[in-house]
Amino acid sequence: MGITKKELADALGVSKQTVVNYIDRLGLAPEHVSRVGKYDVLDDFAVSAISDAVGKSVPQRSESDDAAASDSVIAALSDRIADLKEQNGRLAVELADLRASRDREVESLRMQLNDANRRAAELADRVATIAERQQAIAATPWWKRGRIAMKLLGPGSE
């Protein structure tokens, strides 16, 4: 299995920082040290390399020690799973809130678009009416245009 930095430091009789320093010096971090929850777990190669570098041997662990190490790794993984489930729940709630907000915004934009389309239709009708009146004025003789224009367009219209 593996052993944590703290467990290795206790077995070698050194501080945890000494183990961390040897991990960096020997370049063991990416390949031989894995993160399990809140703990860094070293594989057997890293343990033997660090114990050789320190000049002390790691006492052989019995099956009960392996079981205890397994239990600590399982506990760390369980903690990590619980943390991830909590984070997942928070993210799900946040996503639901964002979707609801987006739906409200889309509905608001649809209402604005419908209102703008309605106003554009009204303006198009007014323009068509004015164009028809201007054609009627253009079809009349020039001497009658003034009076007809006043009737059709109203005073001050263009």
Protein backbone atom coordinates (compact mmCIF):
# COMPACT_ATOMS: atom_id res chain seq x y z
CA MET A 1 0.00 0.00 0.00
CA GLY A 2 1.57 3.32 1.03
CA ILE A 3 2.56 5.38 3.97
CA THR A 4 1.94 9.04 4.75
CA LYS A 5 4.69 11.60 5.26
CA LYS A 6 3.90 11.83 8.96
CA GLU A 7 3.97 8.05 9.42
CA LEU A 8 7.34 7.82 7.63
CA ALA A 9 8.76 10.67 9.69
CA ASP A 10 7.67 8.94 12.89
CA ALA A 11 9.16 5.61 11.74
CA LEU A 12 12.50 7.24 10.86
CA GLY A 13 12.58 9.45 13.94
CA VAL A 14 12.76 12.69 11.94
CA SER A 15 10.40 15.58 11.40
CA LYS A 16 7.77 15.64 8.69
CA GLN A 17 9.57 18.61 7.10
CA THR A 18 12.71 16.48 6.74
CA VAL A 19 10.67 13.92 4.77
CA VAL A 20 9.23 16.73 2.61
CA ASN A 21 12.74 18.06 1.96
CA TYR A 22 13.99 14.64 0.87
CA ILE A 23 10.99 14.21 -1.44
CA ASP A 24 11.95 17.46 -3.15
CA ARG A 25 15.69 16.69 -3.22
CA LEU A 26 15.20 13.22 -4.67
CA GLY A 27 12.53 14.35 -7.15
CA LEU A 28 9.96 11.81 -5.99
CA ALA A 29 6.86 14.00 -5.96
CA PRO A 30 4.90 13.34 -9.16
CA GLU A 31 5.60 9.64 -9.68
CA HIS A 32 5.90 8.25 -6.17
CA VAL A 33 3.80 10.57 -4.02
CA SER A 34 0.05 10.68 -4.51
CA ARG A 35 -2.54 12.90 -2.89
CA VAL A 36 -5.31 11.05 -1.03
CA GLY A 37 -7.76 13.46 0.53
CA LYS A 38 -5.75 15.69 2.84
CA TYR A 39 -2.71 13.39 2.94
CA ASP A 40 0.26 12.67 0.69
CA VAL A 41 0.87 8.92 0.42
CA LEU A 42 4.32 7.65 -0.53
CA ASP A 43 4.81 4.37 -2.36
CA ASP A 44 7.36 1.72 -1.30
CA PHE A 45 10.05 3.08 -3.63
CA ALA A 46 9.80 6.56 -2.11
CA VAL A 47 9.88 5.12 1.41
CA SER A 48 13.05 3.11 0.73
CA ALA A 49 14.72 6.00 -1.12
CA ILE A 50 14.06 8.45 1.73
CA SER A 51 15.12 5.95 4.41
CA ASP A 52 18.38 5.29 2.50
CA ALA A 53 18.98 9.05 2.16
CA VAL A 54 18.35 9.62 5.86
CA GLY A 55 20.59 6.66 6.70
CA LYS A 56 18.05 4.84 8.79
CA SER A 57 15.96 1.85 7.99
CA VAL A 58 12.24 1.76 8.27
CA PRO A 59 11.08 -0.92 10.67
CA GLN A 60 9.10 -3.66 8.96
CA ARG A 61 5.41 -3.18 9.36
CA SER A 62 3.21 -5.99 10.43
CA GLU A 63 -0.17 -6.77 8.93
CA SER A 64 -1.82 -4.79 11.70
CA ASP A 65 0.27 -1.75 10.70
CA ASP A 66 -0.75 -2.27 7.07
CA ALA A 67 -4.37 -2.53 8.15
CA ALA A 68 -4.02 0.67 10.17
CA ALA A 69 -2.43 2.40 7.17
CA SER A 70 -5.23 1.08 4.97
CA ASP A 71 -7.78 2.34 7.46
CA SER A 72 -6.18 5.78 7.48
CA VAL A 73 -6.19 5.89 3.67
CA ILE A 74 -9.81 4.71 3.60
CA ALA A 75 -10.74 7.36 6.15
CA ALA A 76 -8.96 10.01 4.09
CA LEU A 77 -10.75 8.88 0.95
CA SER A 78 -14.09 8.87 2.76
CA ASP A 79 -13.46 12.43 3.94
CA ARG A 80 -12.59 13.46 0.39
CA ILE A 81 -15.75 11.83 -0.96
CA ALA A 82 -17.85 13.64 1.64
CA ASP A 83 -16.19 16.95 0.73
CA LEU A 84 -16.81 16.34 -2.98
CA LYS A 85 -20.46 15.44 -2.36
CA GLU A 86 -20.93 18.66 -0.38
CA GLN A 87 -19.25 20.67 -3.14
CA ASN A 88 -21.41 18.92 -5.73
CA GLY A 89 -24.55 19.85 -3.79
CA ARG A 90 -23.48 23.50 -3.59
CA LEU A 91 -22.70 23.57 -7.31
CA ALA A 92 -26.05 21.98 -8.15
CA VAL A 93 -27.89 24.67 -6.19
CA GLU A 94 -25.80 27.39 -7.84
CA LEU A 95 -26.50 25.92 -11.27
CA ALA A 96 -30.24 25.82 -10.57
CA ASP A 97 -30.13 29.48 -9.48
CA LEU A 98 -28.23 30.45 -12.63
CA ARG A 99 -30.71 28.60 -14.83
CA ALA A 100 -33.66 30.29 -13.13
CA SER A 101 -31.98 33.68 -13.55
CA ARG A 102 -31.27 32.96 -17.22
CA ASP A 103 -34.89 31.88 -17.80
CA ARG A 104 -36.17 35.12 -16.23
CA GLU A 105 -33.80 37.15 -18.38
CA VAL A 106 -34.82 35.29 -21.56
CA GLU A 107 -38.51 35.90 -20.77
CA SER A 108 -37.82 39.59 -20.19
CA LEU A 109 -35.97 39.83 -23.51
CA ARG A 110 -38.83 38.06 -25.32
CA MET A 111 -41.30 40.57 -23.88
CA GLN A 112 -39.07 43.45 -25.00
CA LEU A 113 -38.79 41.93 -28.49
CA ASN A 114 -42.57 41.51 -28.77
CA ASP A 115 -43.08 45.12 -27.67
CA ALA A 116 -40.49 46.35 -30.20
CA ASN A 117 -42.11 44.29 -32.99
CA ARG A 118 -45.54 45.71 -32.09
CA ARG A 119 -44.19 49.28 -32.20
CA ALA A 120 -42.42 48.60 -35.51
CA ALA A 121 -45.71 47.30 -36.99
CA GLU A 122 -47.55 50.42 -35.81
CA LEU A 123 -44.89 52.65 -37.36
CA ALA A 124 -45.01 50.67 -40.61
CA ASP A 125 -48.80 51.16 -40.73
CA ARG A 126 -48.39 54.90 -40.18
CA VAL A 127 -45.76 55.13 -42.92
CA ALA A 128 -48.00 53.18 -45.32
CA THR A 129 -50.94 55.48 -44.54
CA ILE A 130 -48.83 58.59 -45.15
CA ALA A 131 -47.52 57.12 -48.43
CA GLU A 132 -51.07 56.42 -49.62
CA ARG A 133 -52.11 59.97 -48.79
CA GLN A 134 -49.09 61.39 -50.59
CA GLN A 135 -49.98 59.33 -53.68
CA ALA A 136 -53.54 60.66 -53.50
CA ILE A 137 -52.23 64.18 -53.32
CA ALA A 138 -49.87 63.62 -56.25
CA ALA A 139 -52.77 62.31 -58.37
CA THR A 140 -54.84 65.47 -57.95
CA PRO A 141 -54.39 68.57 -60.11
CA TRP A 142 -51.97 71.12 -58.81
CA TRP A 143 -54.58 73.76 -58.02
CA LYS A 144 -56.48 71.39 -55.64
CA ARG A 145 -53.45 69.95 -53.89
CA GLY A 146 -53.22 72.54 -51.14
CA ARG A 147 -56.72 71.94 -49.81
CA ILE A 148 -56.53 68.15 -50.15
CA ALA A 149 -53.13 68.09 -48.46
CA MET A 150 -54.60 70.06 -45.54
CA LYS A 151 -57.44 67.54 -45.26
CA LEU A 152 -55.38 64.36 -45.68
CA LEU A 153 -52.20 65.21 -43.82
CA GLY A 154 -53.44 67.77 -41.37
CA PRO A 155 -51.84 71.12 -40.63
CA GLY A 156 -48.07 71.04 -40.15
CA SER A 157 -47.60 67.47 -41.42
CA GLU A 158 -44.85 66.56 -43.77
